[in-house]
C-alpha cells in the first residue's frame, strides 16, 4: 500500500522560486507520479533499495520521498517500475541527490541525472526562465 505524504511547506528546494527568481531546470516540473525504485547508500553508509513514488518530474530529474536520509551530492540509482507492464524491461540510471529535506514521514529528495538521461519517456515544456 503506497504511503501518503503531506505537501511540504513552500521552500526553494521543493517548489518555491529559488534566489533571484530564476528556475535552474531546463524543463518545467510536472506533477506526475511514477513508481520508482531507489538504491544507494544512506547517510550512515548502509546500502538500501527502497520503493518510492515521484511527486513531480522534469526531463532530467525528480522529487520523491524516502524513509532513509541521503546526502546532497551522493549518487543513487533510480529505476522506473512498471507494475502494470512487467514485460517492459527497465534499467537503473545514476542520479545525483541535489537536496534533502526532512518531512513528517521521512525525507523529501530532489535528484537529477548528471548524464541527462530521460527515464520518463514523455515530452516536457521548456522552462522559459532557464539560462
N, C-alpha and C. Protein backbone atom coordinates (compact mmCIF):
# COMPACT_ATOMS: atom_id res chain seq x y z
N UNK A 1 0.84 -1.18 0.00
CA UNK A 1 0.00 0.00 0.00
C UNK A 1 0.89 1.24 0.00
N UNK A 2 0.71 2.18 -0.94
CA UNK A 2 1.59 3.33 -1.01
C UNK A 2 1.38 4.28 0.18
N UNK A 3 2.46 4.91 0.59
CA UNK A 3 2.39 5.89 1.66
C UNK A 3 1.81 7.18 1.12
N UNK A 4 1.06 7.89 1.95
CA UNK A 4 0.59 9.22 1.58
C UNK A 4 1.38 10.21 2.40
N UNK A 5 1.89 11.24 1.74
CA UNK A 5 2.71 12.23 2.41
C UNK A 5 2.07 13.59 2.26
N UNK A 6 2.04 14.38 3.33
CA UNK A 6 1.52 15.73 3.19
C UNK A 6 2.50 16.58 2.39
N UNK A 7 2.00 17.60 1.74
CA UNK A 7 2.87 18.51 1.00
C UNK A 7 3.75 19.27 1.99
N UNK A 8 4.98 19.49 1.62
CA UNK A 8 5.87 20.25 2.47
C UNK A 8 5.56 21.73 2.33
N UNK A 9 6.06 22.50 3.29
CA UNK A 9 5.91 23.95 3.20
C UNK A 9 6.70 24.44 2.00
N UNK A 10 6.28 25.58 1.45
CA UNK A 10 6.97 26.14 0.29
C UNK A 10 8.42 26.40 0.65
N UNK A 11 9.30 25.95 -0.19
CA UNK A 11 10.73 26.01 0.08
C UNK A 11 11.46 26.09 -1.25
N UNK A 12 12.57 26.83 -1.35
CA UNK A 12 13.28 26.91 -2.62
C UNK A 12 13.63 25.54 -3.20
N UNK A 13 13.82 24.55 -2.35
CA UNK A 13 14.22 23.25 -2.84
C UNK A 13 13.04 22.42 -3.33
N UNK A 14 11.82 22.79 -2.95
CA UNK A 14 10.72 21.91 -3.30
C UNK A 14 9.49 22.65 -3.82
N UNK A 15 9.67 23.75 -4.48
CA UNK A 15 8.51 24.34 -5.11
C UNK A 15 8.54 25.85 -5.21
N UNK A 16 9.12 26.53 -4.27
CA UNK A 16 9.15 27.98 -4.33
C UNK A 16 10.23 28.43 -5.30
N UNK A 17 10.17 29.68 -5.66
CA UNK A 17 11.19 30.22 -6.57
C UNK A 17 12.54 30.26 -5.88
N UNK A 18 13.59 29.86 -6.55
CA UNK A 18 14.92 29.97 -5.95
C UNK A 18 15.37 31.42 -5.88
N UNK A 19 16.49 31.65 -5.20
CA UNK A 19 17.02 33.02 -5.11
C UNK A 19 17.14 33.63 -6.48
N UNK A 20 16.76 34.90 -6.58
CA UNK A 20 16.86 35.61 -7.85
C UNK A 20 15.67 35.34 -8.75
N UNK A 21 14.76 34.44 -8.37
CA UNK A 21 13.56 34.18 -9.15
C UNK A 21 13.78 33.41 -10.43
N UNK A 22 14.96 32.83 -10.62
CA UNK A 22 15.24 32.10 -11.85
C UNK A 22 15.27 30.60 -11.55
N UNK A 23 14.49 29.87 -12.29
CA UNK A 23 14.43 28.41 -12.15
C UNK A 23 15.68 27.81 -12.78
N UNK A 24 16.34 26.86 -12.10
CA UNK A 24 17.58 26.27 -12.60
C UNK A 24 17.35 25.09 -13.53
N UNK A 25 16.12 24.64 -13.66
CA UNK A 25 15.85 23.47 -14.50
C UNK A 25 15.69 23.87 -15.96
N UNK A 26 16.11 22.97 -16.86
CA UNK A 26 15.96 23.20 -18.30
C UNK A 26 14.52 22.99 -18.76
N UNK A 27 13.81 22.11 -18.07
CA UNK A 27 12.40 21.88 -18.37
C UNK A 27 11.60 22.04 -17.09
N UNK A 28 10.34 22.38 -17.23
CA UNK A 28 9.48 22.59 -16.07
C UNK A 28 9.17 21.28 -15.37
N UNK A 29 8.95 21.38 -14.06
CA UNK A 29 8.49 20.23 -13.30
C UNK A 29 7.03 19.98 -13.63
N UNK A 30 6.68 18.72 -13.72
CA UNK A 30 5.32 18.31 -13.99
C UNK A 30 4.88 17.39 -12.85
N UNK A 31 3.72 17.65 -12.23
CA UNK A 31 3.29 16.81 -11.11
C UNK A 31 2.79 15.45 -11.58
N UNK A 32 3.71 14.51 -11.75
CA UNK A 32 3.37 13.16 -12.19
C UNK A 32 3.92 12.14 -11.21
N UNK A 33 3.14 11.11 -10.97
CA UNK A 33 3.55 10.03 -10.07
C UNK A 33 3.97 8.82 -10.87
N UNK A 34 5.24 8.46 -10.75
CA UNK A 34 5.78 7.24 -11.34
C UNK A 34 6.30 6.38 -10.20
N UNK A 35 6.06 5.10 -10.28
CA UNK A 35 6.65 4.20 -9.30
C UNK A 35 8.11 4.00 -9.67
N UNK A 36 8.98 4.15 -8.68
CA UNK A 36 10.42 4.01 -8.89
C UNK A 36 11.00 3.15 -7.78
N UNK A 37 12.21 2.70 -8.02
CA UNK A 37 12.99 2.02 -7.00
C UNK A 37 14.29 2.79 -6.87
N UNK A 38 14.63 3.16 -5.66
CA UNK A 38 15.83 3.96 -5.40
C UNK A 38 16.79 3.11 -4.59
N UNK A 39 18.03 3.08 -5.02
CA UNK A 39 19.04 2.32 -4.27
C UNK A 39 20.33 3.12 -4.18
N UNK A 40 21.07 2.84 -3.15
CA UNK A 40 22.33 3.53 -2.91
C UNK A 40 22.79 3.28 -1.50
N UNK A 41 23.43 4.29 -0.91
CA UNK A 41 23.87 4.23 0.49
C UNK A 41 23.28 5.43 1.22
N UNK A 42 22.75 5.19 2.41
CA UNK A 42 22.19 6.29 3.19
C UNK A 42 23.31 7.04 3.90
N UNK A 43 22.94 8.03 4.74
CA UNK A 43 23.95 8.85 5.42
C UNK A 43 24.83 8.05 6.36
N UNK A 44 24.38 6.88 6.80
CA UNK A 44 25.20 6.05 7.69
C UNK A 44 26.09 5.09 6.90
N UNK A 45 25.95 5.09 5.57
CA UNK A 45 26.76 4.21 4.74
C UNK A 45 26.13 2.86 4.47
N UNK A 46 24.92 2.64 4.96
CA UNK A 46 24.24 1.36 4.78
C UNK A 46 23.59 1.31 3.39
N UNK A 47 23.81 0.20 2.68
CA UNK A 47 23.17 0.01 1.38
C UNK A 47 21.67 -0.15 1.56
N UNK A 48 20.91 0.38 0.61
CA UNK A 48 19.46 0.23 0.67
C UNK A 48 18.90 0.13 -0.74
N UNK A 49 17.70 -0.39 -0.82
CA UNK A 49 16.91 -0.42 -2.05
C UNK A 49 15.47 -0.23 -1.58
N UNK A 50 14.86 0.89 -1.95
CA UNK A 50 13.56 1.25 -1.39
C UNK A 50 12.60 1.69 -2.50
N UNK A 51 11.36 1.20 -2.48
CA UNK A 51 10.38 1.68 -3.44
C UNK A 51 9.97 3.11 -3.08
N UNK A 52 9.62 3.88 -4.10
CA UNK A 52 9.17 5.26 -3.90
C UNK A 52 8.24 5.64 -5.04
N UNK A 53 7.64 6.79 -4.91
CA UNK A 53 6.76 7.34 -5.94
C UNK A 53 7.17 8.78 -6.16
N UNK A 54 7.32 9.18 -7.42
CA UNK A 54 7.69 10.56 -7.69
C UNK A 54 6.52 11.48 -7.34
N UNK A 55 6.86 12.67 -6.87
CA UNK A 55 5.86 13.71 -6.62
C UNK A 55 5.75 14.62 -7.83
N UNK A 56 6.89 14.88 -8.44
CA UNK A 56 6.94 15.60 -9.70
C UNK A 56 8.23 15.23 -10.41
N UNK A 57 8.23 15.46 -11.71
CA UNK A 57 9.39 15.11 -12.53
C UNK A 57 9.65 16.22 -13.53
N UNK A 58 10.87 16.29 -14.00
CA UNK A 58 11.19 17.06 -15.20
C UNK A 58 12.06 16.14 -16.05
N UNK A 59 12.48 16.62 -17.18
CA UNK A 59 13.14 15.72 -18.13
C UNK A 59 14.33 14.99 -17.54
N UNK A 60 15.08 15.65 -16.66
CA UNK A 60 16.31 15.04 -16.14
C UNK A 60 16.33 14.86 -14.64
N UNK A 61 15.16 14.94 -13.98
CA UNK A 61 15.17 14.82 -12.54
C UNK A 61 13.81 14.52 -11.96
N UNK A 62 13.77 14.47 -10.63
CA UNK A 62 12.51 14.16 -9.96
C UNK A 62 12.59 14.54 -8.48
N UNK A 63 11.42 14.53 -7.88
CA UNK A 63 11.29 14.73 -6.44
C UNK A 63 10.47 13.56 -5.91
N UNK A 64 10.90 12.99 -4.78
CA UNK A 64 10.24 11.83 -4.21
C UNK A 64 10.51 11.80 -2.71
N UNK A 65 9.81 10.92 -2.00
CA UNK A 65 10.02 10.72 -0.57
C UNK A 65 10.70 9.38 -0.32
N UNK A 66 11.57 9.38 0.69
CA UNK A 66 12.20 8.14 1.16
C UNK A 66 12.10 8.09 2.68
N UNK A 67 12.22 6.90 3.21
CA UNK A 67 12.28 6.74 4.66
C UNK A 67 13.70 6.96 5.17
N UNK A 68 14.70 6.84 4.27
CA UNK A 68 16.10 6.98 4.66
C UNK A 68 16.63 8.36 4.30
N UNK A 69 17.55 8.84 5.13
CA UNK A 69 18.18 10.12 4.85
C UNK A 69 19.35 9.93 3.89
N UNK A 70 19.44 10.82 2.92
CA UNK A 70 20.55 10.83 1.97
C UNK A 70 21.30 12.15 2.10
N UNK A 71 22.46 12.23 1.47
CA UNK A 71 23.25 13.46 1.48
C UNK A 71 23.23 14.11 0.09
N UNK A 72 23.09 15.44 0.03
CA UNK A 72 23.25 16.11 -1.26
C UNK A 72 24.61 15.78 -1.85
N UNK A 73 24.62 15.51 -3.14
CA UNK A 73 25.85 15.16 -3.84
C UNK A 73 26.05 13.66 -3.99
N UNK A 74 25.37 12.86 -3.17
CA UNK A 74 25.52 11.41 -3.25
C UNK A 74 24.85 10.85 -4.50
N UNK A 75 25.45 9.81 -5.07
CA UNK A 75 24.80 9.14 -6.20
C UNK A 75 23.75 8.14 -5.70
N UNK A 76 22.67 8.00 -6.46
CA UNK A 76 21.68 6.96 -6.22
C UNK A 76 21.29 6.38 -7.57
N UNK A 77 20.85 5.14 -7.55
CA UNK A 77 20.31 4.54 -8.77
C UNK A 77 18.80 4.63 -8.68
N UNK A 78 18.20 5.11 -9.78
CA UNK A 78 16.74 5.18 -9.85
C UNK A 78 16.29 4.37 -11.06
N UNK A 79 15.33 3.51 -10.79
CA UNK A 79 14.78 2.67 -11.85
C UNK A 79 13.27 2.85 -11.87
N UNK A 80 12.72 3.11 -13.03
CA UNK A 80 11.27 3.21 -13.16
C UNK A 80 10.68 1.81 -13.09
N UNK A 81 9.60 1.65 -12.34
CA UNK A 81 8.97 0.35 -12.15
C UNK A 81 7.63 0.34 -12.88
N UNK A 82 7.44 -0.64 -13.72
CA UNK A 82 6.21 -0.78 -14.50
C UNK A 82 5.38 -1.90 -13.88
N UNK A 83 4.58 -1.58 -12.89
CA UNK A 83 3.78 -2.59 -12.19
C UNK A 83 2.74 -3.24 -13.12
N UNK A 84 2.15 -2.47 -14.02
CA UNK A 84 1.10 -2.99 -14.90
C UNK A 84 1.65 -3.55 -16.21
N UNK A 85 2.94 -3.46 -16.39
CA UNK A 85 3.57 -3.98 -17.60
C UNK A 85 4.90 -4.64 -17.23
N UNK A 86 4.85 -5.76 -16.53
CA UNK A 86 6.10 -6.38 -16.05
C UNK A 86 7.02 -6.84 -17.18
N UNK A 87 6.51 -6.94 -18.40
CA UNK A 87 7.34 -7.34 -19.53
C UNK A 87 8.23 -6.20 -20.02
N UNK A 88 7.95 -4.97 -19.60
CA UNK A 88 8.78 -3.84 -20.01
C UNK A 88 10.06 -3.87 -19.20
N UNK A 89 11.17 -4.01 -19.89
CA UNK A 89 12.47 -4.04 -19.21
C UNK A 89 12.97 -2.63 -18.98
N UNK A 90 13.38 -2.37 -17.77
CA UNK A 90 13.98 -1.08 -17.46
C UNK A 90 15.31 -1.34 -16.78
N UNK A 91 16.14 -0.36 -16.81
CA UNK A 91 17.42 -0.48 -16.11
C UNK A 91 17.58 0.73 -15.22
N UNK A 92 18.36 0.59 -14.15
CA UNK A 92 18.58 1.73 -13.26
C UNK A 92 19.54 2.73 -13.90
N UNK A 93 19.31 3.99 -13.60
CA UNK A 93 20.19 5.07 -14.05
C UNK A 93 20.75 5.79 -12.83
N UNK A 94 21.96 6.28 -12.97
CA UNK A 94 22.60 7.02 -11.89
C UNK A 94 22.05 8.45 -11.86
N UNK A 95 21.61 8.85 -10.68
CA UNK A 95 21.17 10.21 -10.42
C UNK A 95 22.02 10.76 -9.29
N UNK A 96 22.02 12.08 -9.15
CA UNK A 96 22.74 12.72 -8.05
C UNK A 96 21.71 13.43 -7.17
N UNK A 97 21.83 13.21 -5.87
CA UNK A 97 20.95 13.89 -4.92
C UNK A 97 21.33 15.37 -4.91
N UNK A 98 20.34 16.23 -5.15
CA UNK A 98 20.58 17.67 -5.19
C UNK A 98 20.26 18.30 -3.84
N UNK A 99 19.17 17.88 -3.23
CA UNK A 99 18.76 18.40 -1.93
C UNK A 99 17.97 17.34 -1.17
N UNK A 100 17.93 17.52 0.15
CA UNK A 100 17.19 16.61 1.03
C UNK A 100 16.56 17.47 2.12
N UNK A 101 15.26 17.26 2.37
CA UNK A 101 14.55 17.98 3.43
C UNK A 101 13.80 16.99 4.29
N UNK A 102 13.82 17.18 5.61
CA UNK A 102 13.03 16.30 6.47
C UNK A 102 11.53 16.56 6.28
N UNK A 103 10.74 15.51 6.38
CA UNK A 103 9.28 15.62 6.32
C UNK A 103 8.72 14.89 7.54
N UNK A 104 7.43 14.91 7.66
CA UNK A 104 6.77 14.23 8.76
C UNK A 104 7.01 12.72 8.75
N UNK A 105 7.19 12.16 7.56
CA UNK A 105 7.30 10.70 7.42
C UNK A 105 8.62 10.24 6.82
N UNK A 106 9.66 11.05 6.89
CA UNK A 106 10.93 10.63 6.30
C UNK A 106 11.65 11.82 5.68
N UNK A 107 11.96 11.70 4.40
CA UNK A 107 12.77 12.70 3.73
C UNK A 107 12.24 12.98 2.32
N UNK A 108 12.16 14.25 1.97
CA UNK A 108 11.87 14.64 0.59
C UNK A 108 13.22 14.78 -0.09
N UNK A 109 13.33 14.25 -1.30
CA UNK A 109 14.61 14.22 -2.01
C UNK A 109 14.42 14.76 -3.42
N UNK A 110 15.33 15.61 -3.83
CA UNK A 110 15.39 16.07 -5.22
C UNK A 110 16.63 15.48 -5.84
N UNK A 111 16.48 14.89 -7.03
CA UNK A 111 17.62 14.25 -7.69
C UNK A 111 17.63 14.62 -9.17
N UNK A 112 18.81 14.65 -9.75
CA UNK A 112 18.96 14.96 -11.16
C UNK A 112 19.92 13.97 -11.81
N UNK A 113 19.76 13.81 -13.11
CA UNK A 113 20.64 12.91 -13.86
C UNK A 113 21.81 13.71 -14.40
N UNK A 114 23.02 13.46 -13.91
CA UNK A 114 24.18 14.19 -14.43
C UNK A 114 24.45 13.89 -15.90
N UNK A 115 23.98 12.72 -16.37
CA UNK A 115 24.18 12.34 -17.77
C UNK A 115 23.05 12.81 -18.66
N UNK A 116 22.02 13.43 -18.08
CA UNK A 116 20.90 13.93 -18.86
C UNK A 116 19.97 12.86 -19.39
N UNK A 117 19.93 11.69 -18.75
CA UNK A 117 19.04 10.63 -19.23
C UNK A 117 17.59 11.00 -18.93
N UNK A 118 16.70 10.54 -19.79
CA UNK A 118 15.28 10.79 -19.63
C UNK A 118 14.59 9.45 -19.42
N UNK A 119 14.36 9.07 -18.16
CA UNK A 119 13.75 7.76 -17.90
C UNK A 119 12.23 7.82 -17.95
N UNK A 120 11.66 9.01 -18.08
CA UNK A 120 10.20 9.15 -18.04
C UNK A 120 9.56 8.91 -19.40
N UNK A 121 10.29 9.15 -20.45
CA UNK A 121 9.82 8.91 -21.82
C UNK A 121 8.56 9.70 -22.16
N UNK A 122 8.57 10.98 -21.77
CA UNK A 122 7.48 11.89 -22.14
C UNK A 122 8.10 13.22 -22.54
N UNK A 123 7.33 14.09 -23.19
CA UNK A 123 7.81 15.42 -23.58
C UNK A 123 7.50 16.41 -22.47
N UNK A 124 8.44 17.29 -22.20
CA UNK A 124 8.29 18.29 -21.16
C UNK A 124 8.29 19.69 -21.76
N UNK A 125 7.52 20.61 -21.16
CA UNK A 125 7.56 22.00 -21.64
C UNK A 125 8.88 22.63 -21.27
N UNK A 126 9.39 23.47 -22.17
CA UNK A 126 10.65 24.17 -21.90
C UNK A 126 10.45 25.16 -20.76
N UNK A 127 11.48 25.39 -20.00
CA UNK A 127 11.43 26.38 -18.93
C UNK A 127 11.94 27.69 -19.49
N UNK A 128 11.07 28.67 -19.61
CA UNK A 128 11.43 29.97 -20.19
C UNK A 128 12.48 30.71 -19.37
N UNK A 129 12.55 30.39 -18.07
CA UNK A 129 13.50 31.10 -17.19
C UNK A 129 14.88 30.47 -17.19
N UNK A 130 15.04 29.33 -17.87
CA UNK A 130 16.34 28.65 -17.85
C UNK A 130 17.38 29.50 -18.55
N UNK A 131 18.55 29.60 -17.94
CA UNK A 131 19.64 30.39 -18.53
C UNK A 131 20.77 29.51 -18.97
